[in-house]
C-alpha atoms as a PDB file:
ATOM      1  CA  MET A   1       0.000   0.000   0.000  1.00  0.00           C
ATOM      2  CA  PHE A   2       1.260   3.445  -0.936  1.00  0.00           C
ATOM      3  CA  LEU A   3      -0.768   6.341   0.454  1.00  0.00           C
ATOM      4  CA  GLY A   4      -3.810   4.108   0.616  1.00  0.00           C
ATOM      5  CA  ILE A   5      -3.479   2.982  -3.006  1.00  0.00           C
ATOM      6  CA  ASP A   6      -2.913  -0.649  -3.902  1.00  0.00           C
ATOM      7  CA  ILE A   7      -0.165  -0.086  -6.522  1.00  0.00           C
ATOM      8  CA  SER A   8      -0.251  -3.711  -7.667  1.00  0.00           C
ATOM      9  CA  ARG A   9      -3.775  -3.096  -8.999  1.00  0.00           C
ATOM     10  CA  ALA A  10      -3.327   0.439 -10.379  1.00  0.00           C
ATOM     11  CA  PHE A  11      -2.858   1.040 -14.106  1.00  0.00           C
ATOM     12  CA  ILE A  12      -3.030   3.780 -16.706  1.00  0.00           C
ATOM     13  CA  PRO A  13      -5.151   2.843 -19.728  1.00  0.00           C
ATOM     14  CA  CYS A  14      -3.207   3.412 -22.960  1.00  0.00           C
ATOM     15  CA  ASP A  15      -5.897   2.644 -25.502  1.00  0.00           C
ATOM     16  CA  PRO A  16      -5.794   5.429 -28.110  1.00  0.00           C
ATOM     17  CA  GLU A  17      -8.991   6.234 -29.969  1.00  0.00           C
ATOM     18  CA  ALA A  18      -9.131   5.470 -33.680  1.00  0.00           C
ATOM     19  CA  GLY A  19      -7.878   8.270 -35.926  1.00  0.00           C
ATOM     20  CA  TYR A  20      -6.606  10.627 -33.229  1.00  0.00           C
ATOM     21  CA  GLU A  21      -2.888   9.960 -32.804  1.00  0.00           C
ATOM     22  CA  ALA A  22       0.185   8.978 -34.774  1.00  0.00           C
ATOM     23  CA  GLU A  23       3.897   8.863 -34.053  1.00  0.00           C
ATOM     24  CA  ILE A  24       6.645   9.796 -36.471  1.00  0.00           C
ATOM     25  CA  ASP A  25      10.388   9.334 -36.510  1.00  0.00           C
ATOM     26  CA  TRP A  26      13.383   9.316 -38.835  1.00  0.00           C
ATOM     27  CA  GLY A  27      15.851   6.470 -39.190  1.00  0.00           C
ATOM     28  CA  ALA A  28      18.809   5.549 -41.369  1.00  0.00           C
ATOM     29  CA  ALA A  29      19.504   2.569 -43.587  1.00  0.00           C
ATOM     30  CA  THR A  30      22.004   1.477 -46.191  1.00  0.00           C
ATOM     31  CA  ALA A  31      20.711   0.383 -49.587  1.00  0.00           C
ATOM     32  CA  ILE A  32      22.411  -0.821 -52.730  1.00  0.00           C
ATOM     33  CA  LEU A  33      21.342   1.313 -55.688  1.00  0.00           C
ATOM     34  CA  ALA A  34      22.858   0.665 -59.112  1.00  0.00           C
ATOM     35  CA  GLY A  35      25.498  -1.519 -57.425  1.00  0.00           C
ATOM     36  CA  GLU A  36      26.610   1.175 -54.942  1.00  0.00           C
ATOM     37  CA  GLU A  37      25.979   1.403 -51.215  1.00  0.00           C
ATOM     38  CA  VAL A  38      23.937   4.498 -50.443  1.00  0.00           C
ATOM     39  CA  ARG A  39      23.035   5.848 -47.013  1.00  0.00           C
ATOM     40  CA  LEU A  40      19.320   6.710 -46.939  1.00  0.00           C
ATOM     41  CA  LYS A  41      17.034   8.322 -44.391  1.00  0.00           C
ATOM     42  CA  PHE A  42      13.597   6.912 -43.816  1.00  0.00           C
ATOM     43  CA  PHE A  43      10.480   8.552 -42.444  1.00  0.00           C
ATOM     44  CA  CYS A  44       8.086   6.376 -40.480  1.00  0.00           C
ATOM     45  CA  MET A  45       4.583   7.287 -39.318  1.00  0.00           C
ATOM     46  CA  ARG A  46       2.690   4.810 -37.147  1.00  0.00           C
ATOM     47  CA  SER A  47      -0.971   4.937 -36.210  1.00  0.00           C
ATOM     48  CA  LYS A  48      -1.140   4.536 -32.441  1.00  0.00           C
ATOM     49  CA  TYR A  49      -4.572   2.878 -32.765  1.00  0.00           C
ATOM     50  CA  SER A  50      -3.959   0.252 -35.445  1.00  0.00           C
ATOM     51  CA  GLY A  51      -0.166   0.036 -35.264  1.00  0.00           C
ATOM     52  CA  LYS A  52      -0.091   0.313 -39.070  1.00  0.00           C
ATOM     53  CA  HIS A  53       3.166   1.789 -40.414  1.00  0.00           C
ATOM     54  CA  PHE A  54       3.940   4.014 -43.356  1.00  0.00           C
ATOM     55  CA  VAL A  55       7.635   4.149 -44.352  1.00  0.00           C
ATOM     56  CA  ARG A  56       9.235   6.201 -47.135  1.00  0.00           C
ATOM     57  CA  PHE A  57      12.920   6.627 -47.991  1.00  0.00           C
ATOM     58  CA  TYR A  58      14.727   9.890 -48.800  1.00  0.00           C
ATOM     59  CA  PHE A  59      18.292  10.992 -49.450  1.00  0.00           C
ATOM     60  CA  CYS A  60      18.078  13.589 -46.643  1.00  0.00           C
ATOM     61  CA  GLU A  61      15.933  14.826 -43.752  1.00  0.00           C
ATOM     62  CA  ARG A  62      15.421  18.357 -45.060  1.00  0.00           C
ATOM     63  CA  GLN A  63      12.177  20.292 -44.785  1.00  0.00           C
ATOM     64  CA  GLN A  64      11.048  19.322 -48.303  1.00  0.00           C
ATOM     65  CA  SER A  65      11.402  15.631 -47.417  1.00  0.00           C
ATOM     66  CA  PHE A  66       9.609  16.193 -44.113  1.00  0.00           C
ATOM     67  CA  PHE A  67       6.615  17.848 -45.786  1.00  0.00           C
ATOM     68  CA  ASP A  68       6.482  15.340 -48.642  1.00  0.00           C
ATOM     69  CA  ALA A  69       6.625  12.452 -46.182  1.00  0.00           C
ATOM     70  CA  HIS A  70       3.651  13.845 -44.254  1.00  0.00           C
ATOM     71  CA  ILE A  71       1.626  14.399 -47.436  1.00  0.00           C
ATOM     72  CA  GLN A  72       2.350  10.840 -48.611  1.00  0.00           C
ATOM     73  CA  ALA A  73       1.613   9.355 -45.170  1.00  0.00           C
ATOM     74  CA  PHE A  74      -1.695  11.205 -44.773  1.00  0.00           C
ATOM     75  CA  SER A  75      -2.686  10.020 -48.241  1.00  0.00           C
ATOM     76  CA  PHE A  76      -1.788   6.454 -47.225  1.00  0.00           C
ATOM     77  CA  PHE A  77      -3.846   6.684 -44.009  1.00  0.00           C
ATOM     78  CA  GLY A  78      -6.780   8.361 -45.757  1.00  0.00           C
ATOM     79  CA  GLY A  79      -6.471  11.749 -44.038  1.00  0.00           C
ATOM     80  CA  ILE A  80      -4.891  13.548 -41.145  1.00  0.00           C
ATOM     81  CA  PHE A  81      -4.948  12.419 -37.536  1.00  0.00           C
ATOM     82  CA  SER A  82      -7.168  14.766 -35.537  1.00  0.00           C
ATOM     83  CA  ASP A  83      -5.770  16.602 -32.530  1.00  0.00           C
ATOM     84  CA  SER A  84      -7.164  14.890 -29.429  1.00  0.00           C
ATOM     85  CA  ASP A  85      -7.800  18.342 -27.889  1.00  0.00           C
ATOM     86  CA  LEU A  86     -10.372  19.065 -30.626  1.00  0.00           C
ATOM     87  CA  ARG A  87     -12.715  16.213 -29.686  1.00  0.00           C
END
């Protein structure tokens, strides 16, 4: 018991609602293009509800790639993820 709370039975529900949240990140990978090793950056967006991933590769992480990746990902997911504060 901690301050009258049975910690062994306490939990925080982490069930996101459909269509409200996604996570994004950049990573790096090496690919062989035309017989040469090339270092690529990849953008990944994951729906927190379904766990479905969208991944797209770029030569850099510049703003143009960032915006294009979002446009392509939102097209893939069928629209934007709504801000949970707007519900």
